[in-house]
Protein backbone atom coordinates (compact mmCIF):
# COMPACT_ATOMS: atom_id res chain seq x y z
CA MET A 1 -2.21 29.64 9.86
CA THR A 2 -3.64 26.20 10.62
CA ARG A 3 -1.69 23.57 12.48
CA ALA A 4 -0.17 20.64 10.60
CA LYS A 5 -2.26 17.48 10.68
CA LYS A 6 -0.70 14.86 12.97
CA ILE A 7 -0.22 11.30 11.74
CA LEU A 8 1.00 8.26 13.68
CA ILE A 9 2.60 5.53 11.54
CA VAL A 10 2.63 2.07 13.14
CA ASP A 11 4.70 -0.65 11.46
CA ASP A 12 7.32 -3.10 12.70
CA GLU A 13 9.46 -2.56 9.58
CA LEU A 14 11.82 0.39 10.07
CA GLY A 15 12.20 0.96 6.32
CA ILE A 16 8.46 1.34 5.83
CA ARG A 17 8.15 3.72 8.78
CA MET A 18 11.00 5.85 7.49
CA LEU A 19 9.71 5.94 3.91
CA LEU A 20 6.16 6.87 4.92
CA SER A 21 7.37 9.37 7.50
CA GLN A 22 9.63 11.14 5.03
CA ALA A 23 6.99 11.21 2.29
CA LEU A 24 4.21 12.51 4.55
CA SER A 25 6.48 15.03 6.28
CA SER A 26 7.49 16.43 2.89
CA HIS A 27 3.79 17.09 2.25
CA GLY A 28 3.39 19.12 5.43
CA TYR A 29 2.14 16.52 7.89
CA GLU A 30 3.54 16.20 11.41
CA VAL A 31 4.52 12.53 11.67
CA SER A 32 5.30 10.28 14.64
CA GLU A 33 6.30 6.63 14.46
CA ALA A 34 5.63 3.49 16.51
CA GLU A 35 7.19 0.07 15.91
CA ASN A 36 4.25 -2.04 17.12
CA GLY A 37 0.79 -1.82 18.64
CA GLN A 38 2.07 -1.56 22.20
CA ASP A 39 4.43 1.27 21.30
CA SER A 40 1.58 3.06 19.52
CA LEU A 41 -0.64 2.93 22.60
CA GLU A 42 2.17 4.59 24.58
CA LYS A 43 2.49 7.32 21.92
CA LEU A 44 -1.28 7.86 21.98
CA LYS A 45 -1.23 8.57 25.73
CA GLY A 46 -1.34 12.32 26.17
CA ASN A 47 -1.19 12.96 22.42
CA ARG A 48 -3.90 13.63 19.88
CA PHE A 49 -3.49 12.51 16.27
CA ASP A 50 -5.69 13.19 13.28
CA LEU A 51 -4.85 9.87 11.63
CA VAL A 52 -3.24 6.53 12.47
CA ILE A 53 -1.75 4.48 9.63
CA THR A 54 -1.13 0.95 10.88
CA ASP A 55 0.09 -2.43 9.79
CA ILE A 56 -1.84 -5.42 11.14
CA ASP A 57 0.78 -8.17 11.51
CA MET A 58 3.22 -6.91 14.17
CA PRO A 59 4.95 -8.37 17.23
CA LYS A 60 4.05 -7.54 20.86
CA LEU A 61 0.57 -6.23 20.00
CA ASN A 62 -0.90 -6.63 16.52
CA GLY A 63 -2.91 -3.97 14.74
CA ILE A 64 -6.31 -5.57 15.42
CA GLU A 65 -5.70 -5.70 19.18
CA MET A 66 -4.31 -2.18 19.11
CA LEU A 67 -7.49 -0.92 17.39
CA LYS A 68 -9.69 -2.76 19.88
CA GLN A 69 -7.82 -1.10 22.76
CA MET A 70 -8.15 2.28 21.06
CA LYS A 71 -11.90 1.75 20.84
CA ARG A 72 -12.16 0.69 24.50
CA THR A 73 -10.36 3.85 25.60
CA GLY A 74 -12.52 6.13 23.45
CA ARG A 75 -9.90 7.15 20.87
CA LYS A 76 -11.37 9.04 17.90
CA GLU A 77 -8.49 9.03 15.42
CA LYS A 78 -9.25 8.05 11.85
CA VAL A 79 -7.41 4.89 10.82
CA ILE A 80 -5.89 3.58 7.59
CA ILE A 81 -4.96 -0.11 7.70
CA MET A 82 -2.08 -1.31 5.52
CA THR A 83 -1.48 -5.02 5.21
CA GLY A 84 -0.47 -7.74 2.79
CA ASN A 85 -3.68 -9.65 3.46
CA LEU A 86 -6.98 -7.77 3.56
CA GLY A 87 -9.06 -10.93 3.87
CA GLY A 88 -10.47 -11.87 7.24
CA LEU A 89 -10.20 -8.44 8.89
CA PRO A 90 -13.03 -8.11 11.40
CA GLU A 91 -15.29 -5.09 11.07
CA ALA A 92 -16.37 -5.00 14.71
CA ASP A 93 -14.19 -3.43 17.39
CA MET A 94 -12.13 -1.49 14.85
CA PRO A 95 -12.71 2.23 15.42
CA GLY A 96 -12.45 4.87 12.75
CA VAL A 97 -11.18 2.69 9.88
CA VAL A 98 -11.61 4.86 6.82
CA SER A 99 -9.54 2.85 4.34
CA ARG A 100 -7.54 -0.30 3.82
CA LEU A 101 -4.40 -0.49 1.66
CA ARG A 102 -2.96 -3.75 0.39
CA LYS A 103 0.85 -3.91 0.53
CA PRO A 104 2.68 -3.20 -1.63
CA PHE A 105 1.04 0.09 -2.63
CA ARG A 106 2.15 3.08 -4.62
CA MET A 107 3.06 6.17 -2.66
CA ASP A 108 0.77 8.41 -4.71
CA HIS A 109 -2.10 6.08 -3.79
CA LEU A 110 -1.19 6.39 -0.10
CA LEU A 111 -1.10 10.19 -0.34
CA ALA A 112 -4.50 10.29 -2.06
CA THR A 113 -5.89 7.97 0.64
CA VAL A 114 -4.46 10.14 3.43
CA ILE A 115 -5.87 13.31 1.88
CA ALA A 116 -9.28 11.70 1.43
CA ALA A 117 -9.22 10.48 5.05
CA MET A 118 -8.39 13.96 6.28
CA GLY A 119 -11.23 15.42 4.22
CA ASN A 120 -9.33 18.61 3.51
CA ALA A 121 -9.77 20.20 0.07
CA ARG A 122 -6.73 22.43 0.68
CA ASP A 123 -4.56 19.31 1.03
CA ARG A 124 -5.77 18.01 -2.34
CA SER A 125 -4.07 20.97 -4.00
CA LYS A 126 -0.73 19.70 -2.61
CA ILE A 127 -0.82 16.83 -5.11
CA LYS A 128 -1.01 19.24 -8.05
CA LYS A 129 1.51 21.72 -6.65
CA ARG A 130 4.17 19.19 -5.65
CA GLY A 131 3.46 16.45 -8.18
CA SER A 132 2.91 12.83 -7.31
CA TRP A 133 5.25 10.56 -5.40
CA GLY A 134 7.34 7.89 -6.99
CA ALA A 135 6.17 4.32 -6.80
């Protein structure tokens, strides 16, 4: 049996973290949460994740600075950015960004984006077996 894919959700809004965590966990992912960029860097120490899903506008350390620090330290996680404003995001110094989601987004769109980022055909069958998420 293969291990569950590990996802780190980074968002300063507790409700969003809880909603995403619950939805992704119910689809077999192992989920950890961080409330800002600084907290996420602490969670990344000594841990390996397959994917980081992050907001950009957060206190203490925003998502852009967090991604720059991840790049400087050689982190290889794939990244999905979720934000209310996709304009003006720099391309340089942002490691592993595979997709950008504009808030608000539908949960079935997030799941499809996560599955595509993971590149796992077996995960795609989860959508058909379990149905899609509510909006």
